[in-house]
Amino acid sequence: MRVNELKEFKAKKEGKVTPKALIENLLMAIENGEIESVVFVARSNDQEIKTGWSDFSSVEALGLLTCGQHEVISGMHE
């Protein structure tokens, strides 16, 4: 087993969601036709923030990011 596979296995066992697991779940939903659009924010290993979104306006991207922010805040109160 490679080092990355071990890290993924350990994270899953501990109930953690890794970037790879998150993207694999998203890709399955996309392939099942469940996703209309995507926006993302990621932090690279050198701490640089990366963003991107599928084919829709930047105003819509901001709206989805705002919804995501509200989801995170709601989760903090649970």
C-alpha atoms as a PDB file:
ATOM      1  CA  MET A   1       0.000   0.000   0.000  1.00  0.00           C
ATOM      2  CA  ARG A   2       1.372   3.427  -0.932  1.00  0.00           C
ATOM      3  CA  VAL A   3       1.759   6.263   1.568  1.00  0.00           C
ATOM      4  CA  ASN A   4      -1.175   8.256   0.123  1.00  0.00           C
ATOM      5  CA  GLU A   5      -3.423   5.188   0.240  1.00  0.00           C
ATOM      6  CA  LEU A   6      -2.474   4.631   3.883  1.00  0.00           C
ATOM      7  CA  LYS A   7      -3.283   8.259   4.702  1.00  0.00           C
ATOM      8  CA  GLU A   8      -6.685   7.934   3.011  1.00  0.00           C
ATOM      9  CA  PHE A   9      -7.419   4.666   4.832  1.00  0.00           C
ATOM     10  CA  LYS A  10      -6.404   6.118   8.207  1.00  0.00           C
ATOM     11  CA  ALA A  11      -8.455   9.290   7.650  1.00  0.00           C
ATOM     12  CA  LYS A  12     -11.543   7.269   6.674  1.00  0.00           C
ATOM     13  CA  LYS A  13     -11.127   5.061   9.734  1.00  0.00           C
ATOM     14  CA  GLU A  14     -10.941   8.197  11.926  1.00  0.00           C
ATOM     15  CA  GLY A  15     -14.053   9.690  10.282  1.00  0.00           C
ATOM     16  CA  LYS A  16     -12.115  12.485   8.565  1.00  0.00           C
ATOM     17  CA  VAL A  17     -12.894  13.764   5.083  1.00  0.00           C
ATOM     18  CA  THR A  18      -9.800  14.222   2.931  1.00  0.00           C
ATOM     19  CA  PRO A  19      -9.654  16.411  -0.187  1.00  0.00           C
ATOM     20  CA  LYS A  20      -9.453  13.254  -2.318  1.00  0.00           C
ATOM     21  CA  ALA A  21     -12.523  11.683  -0.674  1.00  0.00           C
ATOM     22  CA  LEU A  22     -14.453  14.941  -1.031  1.00  0.00           C
ATOM     23  CA  ILE A  23     -13.630  15.246  -4.740  1.00  0.00           C
ATOM     24  CA  GLU A  24     -14.387  11.564  -5.401  1.00  0.00           C
ATOM     25  CA  ASN A  25     -17.845  12.009  -3.835  1.00  0.00           C
ATOM     26  CA  LEU A  26     -18.410  15.171  -5.873  1.00  0.00           C
ATOM     27  CA  LEU A  27     -17.314  13.430  -9.072  1.00  0.00           C
ATOM     28  CA  MET A  28     -19.752  10.565  -8.438  1.00  0.00           C
ATOM     29  CA  ALA A  29     -22.583  13.084  -7.955  1.00  0.00           C
ATOM     30  CA  ILE A  30     -21.587  14.866 -11.179  1.00  0.00           C
ATOM     31  CA  GLU A  31     -21.489  11.583 -13.096  1.00  0.00           C
ATOM     32  CA  ASN A  32     -24.947  10.723 -11.712  1.00  0.00           C
ATOM     33  CA  GLY A  33     -26.292  14.025 -13.073  1.00  0.00           C
ATOM     34  CA  GLU A  34     -26.968  15.414  -9.592  1.00  0.00           C
ATOM     35  CA  ILE A  35     -24.780  18.542  -9.882  1.00  0.00           C
ATOM     36  CA  GLU A  36     -25.618  21.589 -11.987  1.00  0.00           C
ATOM     37  CA  SER A  37     -22.697  23.839 -11.073  1.00  0.00           C
ATOM     38  CA  VAL A  38     -19.591  23.887  -8.876  1.00  0.00           C
ATOM     39  CA  VAL A  39     -17.545  26.522  -7.089  1.00  0.00           C
ATOM     40  CA  PHE A  40     -14.497  25.722  -4.972  1.00  0.00           C
ATOM     41  CA  VAL A  41     -11.975  27.248  -2.614  1.00  0.00           C
ATOM     42  CA  ALA A  42      -8.838  25.267  -1.822  1.00  0.00           C
ATOM     43  CA  ARG A  43      -5.577  25.862   0.022  1.00  0.00           C
ATOM     44  CA  SER A  44      -2.430  24.450  -1.567  1.00  0.00           C
ATOM     45  CA  ASN A  45       0.517  22.977   0.299  1.00  0.00           C
ATOM     46  CA  ASP A  46       2.287  26.340   0.073  1.00  0.00           C
ATOM     47  CA  GLN A  47      -0.784  27.987   1.705  1.00  0.00           C
ATOM     48  CA  GLU A  48      -1.919  29.683  -1.526  1.00  0.00           C
ATOM     49  CA  ILE A  49      -5.702  30.002  -1.909  1.00  0.00           C
ATOM     50  CA  LYS A  50      -7.076  28.635  -5.185  1.00  0.00           C
ATOM     51  CA  THR A  51     -10.595  29.268  -6.474  1.00  0.00           C
ATOM     52  CA  GLY A  52     -12.600  28.199  -9.467  1.00  0.00           C
ATOM     53  CA  TRP A  53     -16.124  27.689 -10.740  1.00  0.00           C
ATOM     54  CA  SER A  54     -17.903  26.023 -13.601  1.00  0.00           C
ATOM     55  CA  ASP A  55     -19.525  27.878 -16.471  1.00  0.00           C
ATOM     56  CA  PHE A  56     -21.669  30.525 -14.784  1.00  0.00           C
ATOM     57  CA  SER A  57     -21.280  34.168 -13.791  1.00  0.00           C
ATOM     58  CA  SER A  58     -19.027  35.416 -11.026  1.00  0.00           C
ATOM     59  CA  VAL A  59     -22.151  36.830  -9.325  1.00  0.00           C
ATOM     60  CA  GLU A  60     -23.609  33.302  -9.178  1.00  0.00           C
ATOM     61  CA  ALA A  61     -20.264  32.014  -7.888  1.00  0.00           C
ATOM     62  CA  LEU A  62     -20.372  34.598  -5.095  1.00  0.00           C
ATOM     63  CA  GLY A  63     -23.922  33.520  -4.277  1.00  0.00           C
ATOM     64  CA  LEU A  64     -22.889  29.874  -3.965  1.00  0.00           C
ATOM     65  CA  LEU A  65     -19.893  30.848  -1.838  1.00  0.00           C
ATOM     66  CA  THR A  66     -22.200  32.851   0.427  1.00  0.00           C
ATOM     67  CA  CYS A  67     -24.507  29.828   0.735  1.00  0.00           C
ATOM     68  CA  GLY A  68     -21.483  27.703   1.590  1.00  0.00           C
ATOM     69  CA  GLN A  69     -20.426  30.207   4.239  1.00  0.00           C
ATOM     70  CA  HIS A  70     -23.886  30.012   5.810  1.00  0.00           C
ATOM     71  CA  GLU A  71     -23.735  26.194   5.766  1.00  0.00           C
ATOM     72  CA  VAL A  72     -20.392  26.229   7.596  1.00  0.00           C
ATOM     73  CA  ILE A  73     -21.689  28.717  10.169  1.00  0.00           C
ATOM     74  CA  SER A  74     -24.854  26.656  10.709  1.00  0.00           C
ATOM     75  CA  GLY A  75     -22.729  23.566  11.249  1.00  0.00           C
ATOM     76  CA  MET A  76     -20.768  25.407  13.944  1.00  0.00           C
ATOM     77  CA  HIS A  77     -23.941  25.918  15.960  1.00  0.00           C
ATOM     78  CA  GLU A  78     -24.980  22.246  15.925  1.00  0.00           C
END
